C-alpha atoms as a PDB file:
ATOM      1  CA  UNK A   1     119.775  84.130  96.752  1.00  0.00           C
ATOM      2  CA  UNK A   2     121.060  86.224  93.920  1.00  0.00           C
ATOM      3  CA  UNK A   3     124.797  85.558  93.192  1.00  0.00           C
ATOM      4  CA  UNK A   4     127.153  87.831  91.623  1.00  0.00           C
ATOM      5  CA  UNK A   5     130.768  88.707  91.417  1.00  0.00           C
ATOM      6  CA  UNK A   6     132.398  92.034  92.661  1.00  0.00           C
ATOM      7  CA  UNK A   7     132.553  93.438  89.207  1.00  0.00           C
ATOM      8  CA  UNK A   8     128.986  92.925  88.267  1.00  0.00           C
ATOM      9  CA  UNK A   9     127.912  94.162  91.799  1.00  0.00           C
ATOM     10  CA  UNK A  10     129.886  97.450  91.338  1.00  0.00           C
ATOM     11  CA  UNK A  11     128.339  98.116  87.902  1.00  0.00           C
ATOM     12  CA  UNK A  12     124.866  97.310  89.144  1.00  0.00           C
ATOM     13  CA  UNK A  13     125.041  98.537  92.762  1.00  0.00           C
ATOM     14  CA  UNK A  14     122.137 100.738  92.973  1.00  0.00           C
ATOM     15  CA  UNK A  15     119.808  98.221  91.072  1.00  0.00           C
ATOM     16  CA  UNK A  16     121.033  95.405  93.115  1.00  0.00           C
ATOM     17  CA  UNK A  17     120.498  97.003  96.469  1.00  0.00           C
ATOM     18  CA  UNK A  18     116.985  98.263  95.426  1.00  0.00           C
ATOM     19  CA  UNK A  19     115.793  94.750  94.666  1.00  0.00           C
ATOM     20  CA  UNK A  20     117.383  93.508  97.862  1.00  0.00           C
ATOM     21  CA  UNK A  21     115.405  95.863  99.604  1.00  0.00           C
ATOM     22  CA  UNK A  22     112.117  95.586  97.618  1.00  0.00           C
ATOM     23  CA  UNK A  23     112.012  91.561  97.370  1.00  0.00           C
ATOM     24  CA  UNK A  24     114.244  90.673 100.597  1.00  0.00           C
ATOM     25  CA  UNK A  25     116.343  88.679  98.514  1.00  0.00           C
ATOM     26  CA  UNK A  26     119.850  88.128  99.880  1.00  0.00           C
ATOM     27  CA  UNK A  27     122.786  88.820  97.517  1.00  0.00           C
ATOM     28  CA  UNK A  28     125.882  86.531  97.654  1.00  0.00           C
ATOM     29  CA  UNK A  29     129.055  88.699  96.144  1.00  0.00           C
ATOM     30  CA  UNK A  30     131.954  86.631  95.358  1.00  0.00           C
ATOM     31  CA  UNK A  31     135.495  88.030  95.403  1.00  0.00           C
ATOM     32  CA  UNK A  32     138.990  86.582  95.035  1.00  0.00           C
ATOM     33  CA  UNK A  33     139.511  87.076  98.873  1.00  0.00           C
ATOM     34  CA  UNK A  34     136.096  85.461  99.862  1.00  0.00           C
ATOM     35  CA  UNK A  35     132.614  86.088  99.606  1.00  0.00           C
ATOM     36  CA  UNK A  36     129.980  88.491 101.205  1.00  0.00           C
ATOM     37  CA  UNK A  37     126.325  88.376 101.737  1.00  0.00           C
ATOM     38  CA  UNK A  38     124.085  91.492 101.609  1.00  0.00           C
ATOM     39  CA  UNK A  39     120.626  91.547 103.274  1.00  0.00           C
ATOM     40  CA  UNK A  40     117.837  94.010 103.677  1.00  0.00           C
ATOM     41  CA  UNK A  41     117.681  96.050 106.932  1.00  0.00           C
ATOM     42  CA  UNK A  42     114.045  94.392 107.359  1.00  0.00           C
ATOM     43  CA  UNK A  43     115.826  90.916 107.197  1.00  0.00           C
ATOM     44  CA  UNK A  44     118.740  92.016 109.526  1.00  0.00           C
ATOM     45  CA  UNK A  45     116.273  93.126 112.151  1.00  0.00           C
ATOM     46  CA  UNK A  46     114.363  90.025 111.863  1.00  0.00           C
ATOM     47  CA  UNK A  47     117.465  87.829 112.404  1.00  0.00           C
ATOM     48  CA  UNK A  48     118.651  90.074 115.453  1.00  0.00           C
ATOM     49  CA  UNK A  49     115.162  89.704 117.088  1.00  0.00           C
ATOM     50  CA  UNK A  50     115.284  85.900 116.337  1.00  0.00           C
ATOM     51  CA  UNK A  51     118.721  85.758 118.000  1.00  0.00           C
ATOM     52  CA  UNK A  52     117.373  87.711 120.969  1.00  0.00           C
ATOM     53  CA  UNK A  53     114.298  85.932 121.507  1.00  0.00           C
ATOM     54  CA  UNK A  54     116.529  82.441 121.201  1.00  0.00           C
ATOM     55  CA  UNK A  55     118.603  83.730 123.970  1.00  0.00           C
ATOM     56  CA  UNK A  56     115.902  84.194 126.567  1.00  0.00           C
ATOM     57  CA  UNK A  57     115.865  81.293 128.834  1.00  0.00           C
ATOM     58  CA  UNK A  58     112.564  79.419 128.230  1.00  0.00           C
ATOM     59  CA  UNK A  59     111.394  81.555 125.453  1.00  0.00           C
ATOM     60  CA  UNK A  60     111.534  78.898 122.634  1.00  0.00           C
ATOM     61  CA  UNK A  61     109.397  76.417 124.613  1.00  0.00           C
ATOM     62  CA  UNK A  62     106.896  79.141 125.271  1.00  0.00           C
ATOM     63  CA  UNK A  63     106.668  79.893 121.542  1.00  0.00           C
ATOM     64  CA  UNK A  64     106.267  76.170 120.744  1.00  0.00           C
ATOM     65  CA  UNK A  65     103.448  75.993 123.258  1.00  0.00           C
ATOM     66  CA  UNK A  66     101.852  79.063 121.905  1.00  0.00           C
ATOM     67  CA  UNK A  67     101.920  77.500 118.392  1.00  0.00           C
ATOM     68  CA  UNK A  68     100.140  74.582 119.669  1.00  0.00           C
ATOM     69  CA  UNK A  69      97.395  76.244 121.226  1.00  0.00           C
ATOM     70  CA  UNK A  70      94.107  76.345 119.196  1.00  0.00           C
ATOM     71  CA  UNK A  71      93.048  79.752 117.827  1.00  0.00           C
ATOM     72  CA  UNK A  72      89.633  79.494 119.912  1.00  0.00           C
ATOM     73  CA  UNK A  73      91.666  79.205 123.038  1.00  0.00           C
ATOM     74  CA  UNK A  74      93.747  82.367 122.597  1.00  0.00           C
ATOM     75  CA  UNK A  75      92.968  85.676 124.085  1.00  0.00           C
ATOM     76  CA  UNK A  76      91.820  88.311 121.576  1.00  0.00           C
ATOM     77  CA  UNK A  77      94.411  90.978 120.764  1.00  0.00           C
ATOM     78  CA  UNK A  78      92.351  93.806 122.126  1.00  0.00           C
ATOM     79  CA  UNK A  79      91.961  92.032 125.612  1.00  0.00           C
ATOM     80  CA  UNK A  80      95.695  91.521 125.987  1.00  0.00           C
ATOM     81  CA  UNK A  81      97.062  93.241 129.036  1.00  0.00           C
ATOM     82  CA  UNK A  82     100.649  94.441 128.413  1.00  0.00           C
END
């Protein structure tokens, strides 16, 4: 995580945001009133998807079960019936 203060963030806003988007590295901005964290849209969407999947009853168990399945027992992607 990249740490900076609000003054430096203001001076380098464009460059810092570009780096956050390009490298998906969060930015922690410190101010006298508290801190804020900026993340890329890609990271935000990933967090929201994780929260959603975690809220579906039984989903965590299904994911854990799937992770334990040997690859040779998996159905090929082109044979999956959606």
